[in-house]
Every structure is written in C-alpha cells, then in structure tokens.
Amino acid sequence: MNTPADPTGGAAFPALPVRVFVLNDHEMVRRGLADLLEHAGFDVVGESGSAAEAGRLIHILQPDIVVLDDRLPDGTGIEVCRNLRSTDPDVKCLILTGWDEQHAVRAAVLAGASGYVLKRIGDHDALINCLRVTAAGIQPMGPGVRERVAESLYATASAPWLTAMTRTERSVLALMARGLSNHQIGQELVMTEAVVGASVSAVLQKLGFRRRVHLIPAPIPRAWELLH
C-alpha cells in the first residue's frame, strides 16, 4: 500500500520498542519477517503458524501490533483480528495479503484491522512504514475508507455474495462493515458469540476470503468397536 515519505507525519514514537507478534503458517516466512522487523527496531515478542495458537499466545504476550497472514490452515487473518478485537481491543492488527487491492481493503475493513500490506517480492518498506504509522497511532487506510467499502458491499441487492447469504448472514455482514466486533454483533442481534463466529466464517467464505473446508471422512470402526 502507498505510504507517505514521512509516514508518521511527525508523530512521536513510543519510548520503548514496539512489540510485534507475527502470524504466518510458513515457518521460513515467519522467521524472515521476524528478522526484518527486528532489524528495523521492532521487538518481535512471539510468532505462530495457526489461528488457534495465536489467539492464546497473543492474550499472554500482549503485543502492540499483530501482523496477520490473510489465509491460515485453521481460519483467516480476518477472523483472528475480529476475535482479538472482542478480547484484546487495544491490540492493533495489520493484514499481510496476496489479494488484489480491492479485496485487501475489504478484508481490512471487515476485520476491523488498522490496515493492510500487499505481499510484493522485495518490497519491505511498505510493511515497515505501515507498522510505524500504526505504532504512531495513525490509521494507515485514511478517512472514509470504511464507509466506501460498506457502500460497495451493498451497491446492488443482486450482488452474488448477497444472494448467496441467509438473512442472518446479511445482518452480520452489515454490522461487520460498520466496524462492530463479534461481541458487539452478538449483543446487537441477541446471538451467542459462537453463533456469531460461525456466521462470520460463512460470510467470509461467500465473499471469497475463506477456503471451503473439505469434509474429512469418518474413520471406519474396528470390529471390536461395533460390539459396544
């Protein structure tokens, strides 16, 4: 994403190094990101390759910023960000994504992330600048982005992603686009957070952000198990 030459706009940096957590399912990529960020002066306090593990570690380590990969073996960076906003609202998130610009900005808005960075070979400055902007308390995406994305998602009632959704999923999507966390959506729609989480996953899959989970066949029982 484009960042200004002076990304902080003159804003002061925190006295202590900014604490960063890296979530990416490729170990070599994680290590490369960690080395890059530490070389740039950030304090990488932890890393993980799965959404479930990251949720536990982030709660314990309390980083200032989490760099999230867009797709994970057990979910998406969007879902991790949304869950964090319900449990640790002070943690800022940046989504590192291979999607195109339009899809990336939608992902960041629906996640409630501070911003996003496109994966581009050799373009390290974009990530470093975006982290510095976020650490300085500046929103990298700029004003009005959330409103424009929300409008684009509902530009036409016949949009394929809307016609594929249930009424509940449409309601959840509308509240996601408004910036509500899963906890807030549950309060608004009188739903448990588990039901909200399942609806969010369904919405993201129909918007093309989540891989369809392949069904795993049930194991064939052994002969003695049939006797019980």
C-alpha atoms as a PDB file:
ATOM      1  CA  MET A   1       0.000   0.000   0.000  1.00  0.00           C
ATOM      2  CA  ASN A   2       1.146   3.558  -0.569  1.00  0.00           C
ATOM      3  CA  THR A   3       2.706   5.321   2.391  1.00  0.00           C
ATOM      4  CA  PRO A   4       3.957   8.901   2.693  1.00  0.00           C
ATOM      5  CA  ALA A   5       7.656   9.742   2.724  1.00  0.00           C
ATOM      6  CA  ASP A   6       7.319  10.705   6.388  1.00  0.00           C
ATOM      7  CA  PRO A   7       4.825   8.012   7.430  1.00  0.00           C
ATOM      8  CA  THR A   8       4.374   9.239  10.981  1.00  0.00           C
ATOM      9  CA  GLY A   9       3.552  12.793   9.965  1.00  0.00           C
ATOM     10  CA  GLY A  10       5.920  13.956  12.689  1.00  0.00           C
ATOM     11  CA  ALA A  11       4.157  11.974  15.426  1.00  0.00           C
ATOM     12  CA  ALA A  12       6.336  10.810  18.313  1.00  0.00           C
ATOM     13  CA  PHE A  13       7.270   7.146  18.643  1.00  0.00           C
ATOM     14  CA  PRO A  14       6.754   5.258  21.929  1.00  0.00           C
ATOM     15  CA  ALA A  15       9.760   5.393  24.264  1.00  0.00           C
ATOM     16  CA  LEU A  16      10.049   1.590  24.230  1.00  0.00           C
ATOM     17  CA  PRO A  17      10.366  -0.615  21.112  1.00  0.00           C
ATOM     18  CA  VAL A  18       7.013  -1.533  19.582  1.00  0.00           C
ATOM     19  CA  ARG A  19       6.084  -5.123  20.479  1.00  0.00           C
ATOM     20  CA  VAL A  20       5.029  -7.165  17.432  1.00  0.00           C
ATOM     21  CA  PHE A  21       3.555 -10.659  17.026  1.00  0.00           C
ATOM     22  CA  VAL A  22       3.821 -12.451  13.648  1.00  0.00           C
ATOM     23  CA  LEU A  23       1.167 -14.927  12.482  1.00  0.00           C
ATOM     24  CA  ASN A  24       2.016 -16.859   9.306  1.00  0.00           C
ATOM     25  CA  ASP A  25       1.703 -20.566   8.550  1.00  0.00           C
ATOM     26  CA  HIS A  26       5.069 -20.763   6.714  1.00  0.00           C
ATOM     27  CA  GLU A  27       7.956 -21.055   9.161  1.00  0.00           C
ATOM     28  CA  MET A  28      10.559 -19.610   6.786  1.00  0.00           C
ATOM     29  CA  VAL A  29       8.334 -16.608   6.059  1.00  0.00           C
ATOM     30  CA  ARG A  30       7.752 -16.072   9.790  1.00  0.00           C
ATOM     31  CA  ARG A  31      11.463 -16.125  10.506  1.00  0.00           C
ATOM     32  CA  GLY A  32      12.154 -13.802   7.592  1.00  0.00           C
ATOM     33  CA  LEU A  33       9.524 -11.336   8.805  1.00  0.00           C
ATOM     34  CA  ALA A  34      10.806 -11.533  12.379  1.00  0.00           C
ATOM     35  CA  ASP A  35      14.388 -10.851  11.262  1.00  0.00           C
ATOM     36  CA  LEU A  36      13.234  -7.954   9.071  1.00  0.00           C
ATOM     37  CA  LEU A  37      11.204  -6.347  11.851  1.00  0.00           C
ATOM     38  CA  GLU A  38      13.897  -6.790  14.498  1.00  0.00           C
ATOM     39  CA  HIS A  39      16.463  -5.242  12.150  1.00  0.00           C
ATOM     40  CA  ALA A  40      14.098  -2.265  11.759  1.00  0.00           C
ATOM     41  CA  GLY A  41      13.962  -1.782  15.534  1.00  0.00           C
ATOM     42  CA  PHE A  42      10.757  -3.610  16.443  1.00  0.00           C
ATOM     43  CA  ASP A  43      10.583  -6.129  19.295  1.00  0.00           C
ATOM     44  CA  VAL A  44       9.148  -9.404  17.942  1.00  0.00           C
ATOM     45  CA  VAL A  45       7.702 -10.952  21.095  1.00  0.00           C
ATOM     46  CA  GLY A  46       6.184 -14.069  19.521  1.00  0.00           C
ATOM     47  CA  GLU A  47       5.120 -15.894  16.394  1.00  0.00           C
ATOM     48  CA  SER A  48       2.740 -18.670  15.387  1.00  0.00           C
ATOM     49  CA  GLY A  49       1.532 -20.657  12.403  1.00  0.00           C
ATOM     50  CA  SER A  50      -2.081 -21.221  13.456  1.00  0.00           C
ATOM     51  CA  ALA A  51      -5.043 -19.045  14.376  1.00  0.00           C
ATOM     52  CA  ALA A  52      -5.929 -21.077  17.481  1.00  0.00           C
ATOM     53  CA  GLU A  53      -2.418 -20.983  18.936  1.00  0.00           C
ATOM     54  CA  ALA A  54      -2.014 -17.294  18.091  1.00  0.00           C
ATOM     55  CA  GLY A  55      -5.163 -16.384  19.989  1.00  0.00           C
ATOM     56  CA  ARG A  56      -3.768 -17.945  23.168  1.00  0.00           C
ATOM     57  CA  LEU A  57      -0.254 -16.538  22.789  1.00  0.00           C
ATOM     58  CA  ILE A  58      -1.338 -13.007  21.910  1.00  0.00           C
ATOM     59  CA  HIS A  59      -3.513 -12.857  25.011  1.00  0.00           C
ATOM     60  CA  ILE A  60      -0.496 -13.835  27.137  1.00  0.00           C
ATOM     61  CA  LEU A  61       2.215 -11.806  25.375  1.00  0.00           C
ATOM     62  CA  GLN A  62       0.165  -8.620  24.885  1.00  0.00           C
ATOM     63  CA  PRO A  63       1.897  -7.243  21.760  1.00  0.00           C
ATOM     64  CA  ASP A  64       1.184  -3.734  20.487  1.00  0.00           C
ATOM     65  CA  ILE A  65       0.681  -4.869  16.871  1.00  0.00           C
ATOM     66  CA  VAL A  66      -0.063  -8.231  15.247  1.00  0.00           C
ATOM     67  CA  VAL A  67       0.963  -8.897  11.631  1.00  0.00           C
ATOM     68  CA  LEU A  68      -1.548 -11.437  10.301  1.00  0.00           C
ATOM     69  CA  ASP A  69      -1.367 -13.525   7.169  1.00  0.00           C
ATOM     70  CA  ASP A  70      -4.593 -13.438   5.162  1.00  0.00           C
ATOM     71  CA  ARG A  71      -5.114 -17.229   4.992  1.00  0.00           C
ATOM     72  CA  LEU A  72      -4.273 -19.791   7.644  1.00  0.00           C
ATOM     73  CA  PRO A  73      -4.742 -23.553   7.960  1.00  0.00           C
ATOM     74  CA  ASP A  74      -7.458 -23.106  10.592  1.00  0.00           C
ATOM     75  CA  GLY A  75      -9.058 -19.808   9.605  1.00  0.00           C
ATOM     76  CA  THR A  76      -8.212 -16.376   8.265  1.00  0.00           C
ATOM     77  CA  GLY A  77      -6.397 -13.301   9.461  1.00  0.00           C
ATOM     78  CA  ILE A  78      -9.760 -11.548   9.333  1.00  0.00           C
ATOM     79  CA  GLU A  79     -11.256 -13.924  11.908  1.00  0.00           C
ATOM     80  CA  VAL A  80      -8.215 -13.707  14.178  1.00  0.00           C
ATOM     81  CA  CYS A  81      -8.380  -9.919  14.071  1.00  0.00           C
ATOM     82  CA  ARG A  82     -12.099  -9.896  14.826  1.00  0.00           C
ATOM     83  CA  ASN A  83     -11.644 -12.267  17.775  1.00  0.00           C
ATOM     84  CA  LEU A  84      -8.817 -10.131  19.128  1.00  0.00           C
ATOM     85  CA  ARG A  85     -10.951  -7.011  18.949  1.00  0.00           C
ATOM     86  CA  SER A  86     -13.502  -8.721  21.199  1.00  0.00           C
ATOM     87  CA  THR A  87     -10.960  -9.909  23.792  1.00  0.00           C
ATOM     88  CA  ASP A  88      -7.970  -7.523  23.457  1.00  0.00           C
ATOM     89  CA  PRO A  89      -9.314  -4.332  21.855  1.00  0.00           C
ATOM     90  CA  ASP A  90      -6.070  -2.415  22.415  1.00  0.00           C
ATOM     91  CA  VAL A  91      -4.085  -4.722  20.101  1.00  0.00           C
ATOM     92  CA  LYS A  92      -3.723  -3.298  16.588  1.00  0.00           C
ATOM     93  CA  CYS A  93      -3.687  -5.616  13.571  1.00  0.00           C
ATOM     94  CA  LEU A  94      -2.200  -5.400  10.087  1.00  0.00           C
ATOM     95  CA  ILE A  95      -3.205  -7.935   7.434  1.00  0.00           C
ATOM     96  CA  LEU A  96      -0.437  -9.140   5.123  1.00  0.00           C
ATOM     97  CA  THR A  97      -2.180 -10.307   1.977  1.00  0.00           C
ATOM     98  CA  GLY A  98      -1.701 -11.625  -1.531  1.00  0.00           C
ATOM     99  CA  TRP A  99      -5.147 -10.435  -2.636  1.00  0.00           C
ATOM    100  CA  ASP A 100      -5.555  -7.550  -5.040  1.00  0.00           C
ATOM    101  CA  GLU A 101      -6.008  -4.024  -3.678  1.00  0.00           C
ATOM    102  CA  GLN A 102      -9.825  -4.065  -3.719  1.00  0.00           C
ATOM    103  CA  HIS A 103     -10.092  -7.421  -1.959  1.00  0.00           C
ATOM    104  CA  ALA A 104      -7.372  -6.425   0.524  1.00  0.00           C
ATOM    105  CA  VAL A 105      -9.083  -3.229   1.629  1.00  0.00           C
ATOM    106  CA  ARG A 106     -12.377  -5.103   2.042  1.00  0.00           C
ATOM    107  CA  ALA A 107     -10.590  -7.669   4.198  1.00  0.00           C
ATOM    108  CA  ALA A 108      -9.078  -4.991   6.422  1.00  0.00           C
ATOM    109  CA  VAL A 109     -12.403  -3.201   6.860  1.00  0.00           C
ATOM    110  CA  LEU A 110     -14.357  -6.377   7.629  1.00  0.00           C
ATOM    111  CA  ALA A 111     -11.644  -7.434  10.081  1.00  0.00           C
ATOM    112  CA  GLY A 112     -11.591  -4.091  11.846  1.00  0.00           C
ATOM    113  CA  ALA A 113      -7.825  -4.006  11.184  1.00  0.00           C
ATOM    114  CA  SER A 114      -5.731  -0.858  11.307  1.00  0.00           C
ATOM    115  CA  GLY A 115      -4.547  -1.526   7.769  1.00  0.00           C
ATOM    116  CA  TYR A 116      -3.162  -3.986   5.257  1.00  0.00           C
ATOM    117  CA  VAL A 117       0.038  -4.570   3.305  1.00  0.00           C
ATOM    118  CA  LEU A 118       0.176  -6.272  -0.085  1.00  0.00           C
ATOM    119  CA  LYS A 119       2.689  -9.096  -0.495  1.00  0.00           C
ATOM    120  CA  ARG A 120       5.219  -7.898  -3.042  1.00  0.00           C
ATOM    121  CA  ILE A 121       8.615  -9.501  -3.554  1.00  0.00           C
ATOM    122  CA  GLY A 122      11.391  -7.244  -2.317  1.00  0.00           C
ATOM    123  CA  ASP A 123       9.019  -4.513  -1.089  1.00  0.00           C
ATOM    124  CA  HIS A 124       9.955  -4.431   2.592  1.00  0.00           C
ATOM    125  CA  ASP A 125       9.486  -0.701   3.041  1.00  0.00           C
ATOM    126  CA  ALA A 126       5.692  -0.898   2.765  1.00  0.00           C
ATOM    127  CA  LEU A 127       5.411  -3.212   5.785  1.00  0.00           C
ATOM    128  CA  ILE A 128       7.917  -1.258   7.880  1.00  0.00           C
ATOM    129  CA  ASN A 129       6.266   2.076   7.068  1.00  0.00           C
ATOM    130  CA  CYS A 130       2.785   0.712   7.770  1.00  0.00           C
ATOM    131  CA  LEU A 131       3.946  -0.636  11.144  1.00  0.00           C
ATOM    132  CA  ARG A 132       5.489   2.715  12.033  1.00  0.00           C
ATOM    133  CA  VAL A 133       2.335   4.570  11.023  1.00  0.00           C
ATOM    134  CA  THR A 134       0.207   2.218  13.129  1.00  0.00           C
ATOM    135  CA  ALA A 135       2.584   2.434  16.103  1.00  0.00           C
ATOM    136  CA  ALA A 136       2.303   6.225  15.964  1.00  0.00           C
ATOM    137  CA  GLY A 137      -1.475   5.951  16.355  1.00  0.00           C
ATOM    138  CA  ILE A 138      -2.299   6.860  12.745  1.00  0.00           C
ATOM    139  CA  GLN A 139      -4.840   4.917  10.674  1.00  0.00           C
ATOM    140  CA  PRO A 140      -2.945   3.825   7.512  1.00  0.00           C
ATOM    141  CA  MET A 141      -6.106   3.463   5.403  1.00  0.00           C
ATOM    142  CA  GLY A 142      -7.164   7.074   5.718  1.00  0.00           C
ATOM    143  CA  PRO A 143     -10.596   8.645   6.370  1.00  0.00           C
ATOM    144  CA  GLY A 144     -13.766   7.477   4.670  1.00  0.00           C
ATOM    145  CA  VAL A 145     -12.435   4.077   3.555  1.00  0.00           C
ATOM    146  CA  ARG A 146     -14.733   2.044   5.817  1.00  0.00           C
ATOM    147  CA  GLU A 147     -17.812   3.916   4.608  1.00  0.00           C
ATOM    148  CA  ARG A 148     -16.897   3.460   0.931  1.00  0.00           C
ATOM    149  CA  VAL A 149     -16.266  -0.274   1.395  1.00  0.00           C
ATOM    150  CA  ALA A 150     -19.564  -0.724   3.252  1.00  0.00           C
ATOM    151  CA  GLU A 151     -21.366   1.013   0.385  1.00  0.00           C
ATOM    152  CA  SER A 152     -19.616  -1.138  -2.232  1.00  0.00           C
ATOM    153  CA  LEU A 153     -20.663  -4.339  -0.477  1.00  0.00           C
ATOM    154  CA  TYR A 154     -24.287  -3.243  -0.751  1.00  0.00           C
ATOM    155  CA  ALA A 155     -24.050  -1.451  -4.097  1.00  0.00           C
ATOM    156  CA  THR A 156     -26.676  -3.762  -5.564  1.00  0.00           C
ATOM    157  CA  ALA A 157     -29.114  -6.127  -3.923  1.00  0.00           C
ATOM    158  CA  SER A 158     -28.420  -8.680  -6.665  1.00  0.00           C
ATOM    159  CA  ALA A 159     -24.691  -8.940  -5.885  1.00  0.00           C
ATOM    160  CA  PRO A 160     -23.757 -12.656  -5.931  1.00  0.00           C
ATOM    161  CA  TRP A 161     -22.392 -12.586  -2.400  1.00  0.00           C
ATOM    162  CA  LEU A 162     -25.669 -11.151  -1.069  1.00  0.00           C
ATOM    163  CA  THR A 163     -27.982 -13.538  -2.932  1.00  0.00           C
ATOM    164  CA  ALA A 164     -25.941 -16.471  -1.564  1.00  0.00           C
ATOM    165  CA  MET A 165     -26.333 -15.328   2.050  1.00  0.00           C
ATOM    166  CA  THR A 166     -29.059 -16.035   4.546  1.00  0.00           C
ATOM    167  CA  ARG A 167     -30.908 -13.164   6.211  1.00  0.00           C
ATOM    168  CA  THR A 168     -28.831 -13.631   9.371  1.00  0.00           C
ATOM    169  CA  GLU A 169     -25.586 -13.602   7.410  1.00  0.00           C
ATOM    170  CA  ARG A 170     -26.612 -10.366   5.680  1.00  0.00           C
ATOM    171  CA  SER A 171     -27.280  -8.784   9.060  1.00  0.00           C
ATOM    172  CA  VAL A 172     -23.898  -9.949  10.334  1.00  0.00           C
ATOM    173  CA  LEU A 173     -22.169  -8.603   7.211  1.00  0.00           C
ATOM    174  CA  ALA A 174     -23.811  -5.200   7.648  1.00  0.00           C
ATOM    175  CA  LEU A 175     -22.565  -4.963  11.241  1.00  0.00           C
ATOM    176  CA  MET A 176     -19.083  -6.193  10.288  1.00  0.00           C
ATOM    177  CA  ALA A 177     -18.882  -3.442   7.677  1.00  0.00           C
ATOM    178  CA  ARG A 178     -19.884  -0.896  10.332  1.00  0.00           C
ATOM    179  CA  GLY A 179     -16.890  -1.958  12.432  1.00  0.00           C
ATOM    180  CA  LEU A 180     -18.638  -3.920  15.173  1.00  0.00           C
ATOM    181  CA  SER A 181     -16.703  -6.715  16.884  1.00  0.00           C
ATOM    182  CA  ASN A 182     -18.111 -10.227  17.263  1.00  0.00           C
ATOM    183  CA  HIS A 183     -19.056  -9.440  20.862  1.00  0.00           C
ATOM    184  CA  GLN A 184     -20.905  -6.285  19.801  1.00  0.00           C
ATOM    185  CA  ILE A 185     -22.681  -8.133  16.969  1.00  0.00           C
ATOM    186  CA  GLY A 186     -23.833 -10.758  19.468  1.00  0.00           C
ATOM    187  CA  GLN A 187     -25.317  -8.032  21.653  1.00  0.00           C
ATOM    188  CA  GLU A 188     -26.964  -6.297  18.693  1.00  0.00           C
ATOM    189  CA  LEU A 189     -28.542  -9.456  17.228  1.00  0.00           C
ATOM    190  CA  VAL A 190     -29.002 -11.324  20.540  1.00  0.00           C
ATOM    191  CA  MET A 191     -26.771 -14.207  19.474  1.00  0.00           C
ATOM    192  CA  THR A 192     -24.056 -16.138  21.284  1.00  0.00           C
ATOM    193  CA  GLU A 193     -20.501 -15.370  20.200  1.00  0.00           C
ATOM    194  CA  ALA A 194     -20.180 -18.966  18.952  1.00  0.00           C
ATOM    195  CA  VAL A 195     -23.127 -18.426  16.589  1.00  0.00           C
ATOM    196  CA  VAL A 196     -21.717 -15.052  15.540  1.00  0.00           C
ATOM    197  CA  GLY A 197     -18.331 -16.671  14.831  1.00  0.00           C
ATOM    198  CA  ALA A 198     -19.952 -19.346  12.658  1.00  0.00           C
ATOM    199  CA  SER A 199     -21.916 -16.680  10.772  1.00  0.00           C
ATOM    200  CA  VAL A 200     -18.778 -14.600  10.248  1.00  0.00           C
ATOM    201  CA  SER A 201     -16.988 -17.656   8.830  1.00  0.00           C
ATOM    202  CA  ALA A 202     -19.908 -18.307   6.461  1.00  0.00           C
ATOM    203  CA  VAL A 203     -19.934 -14.662   5.345  1.00  0.00           C
ATOM    204  CA  LEU A 204     -16.191 -14.695   4.675  1.00  0.00           C
ATOM    205  CA  GLN A 205     -16.431 -17.921   2.695  1.00  0.00           C
ATOM    206  CA  LYS A 206     -19.200 -16.495   0.489  1.00  0.00           C
ATOM    207  CA  LEU A 207     -17.172 -13.317  -0.045  1.00  0.00           C
ATOM    208  CA  GLY A 208     -14.202 -15.415  -1.167  1.00  0.00           C
ATOM    209  CA  PHE A 209     -11.981 -14.828   1.871  1.00  0.00           C
ATOM    210  CA  ARG A 210     -12.106 -18.312   3.326  1.00  0.00           C
ATOM    211  CA  ARG A 211     -11.233 -21.633   1.740  1.00  0.00           C
ATOM    212  CA  ARG A 212     -14.008 -24.188   1.698  1.00  0.00           C
ATOM    213  CA  VAL A 213     -13.209 -26.819   4.309  1.00  0.00           C
ATOM    214  CA  HIS A 214     -13.007 -30.254   2.762  1.00  0.00           C
ATOM    215  CA  LEU A 215     -15.063 -32.867   4.556  1.00  0.00           C
ATOM    216  CA  ILE A 216     -12.943 -35.488   6.285  1.00  0.00           C
ATOM    217  CA  PRO A 217     -14.492 -38.951   6.049  1.00  0.00           C
ATOM    218  CA  ALA A 218     -15.277 -40.596   9.356  1.00  0.00           C
ATOM    219  CA  PRO A 219     -12.852 -43.411  10.217  1.00  0.00           C
ATOM    220  CA  ILE A 220     -14.128 -46.933   9.660  1.00  0.00           C
ATOM    221  CA  PRO A 221     -14.682 -48.527  13.106  1.00  0.00           C
ATOM    222  CA  ARG A 222     -12.703 -51.579  14.037  1.00  0.00           C
ATOM    223  CA  ALA A 223     -14.619 -54.818  14.553  1.00  0.00           C
ATOM    224  CA  TRP A 224     -14.493 -54.754  18.365  1.00  0.00           C
ATOM    225  CA  GLU A 225     -15.834 -51.208  18.443  1.00  0.00           C
ATOM    226  CA  LEU A 226     -19.032 -52.357  16.735  1.00  0.00           C
ATOM    227  CA  LEU A 227     -19.790 -54.510  19.775  1.00  0.00           C
ATOM    228  CA  HIS A 228     -20.075 -51.517  22.150  1.00  0.00           C
END
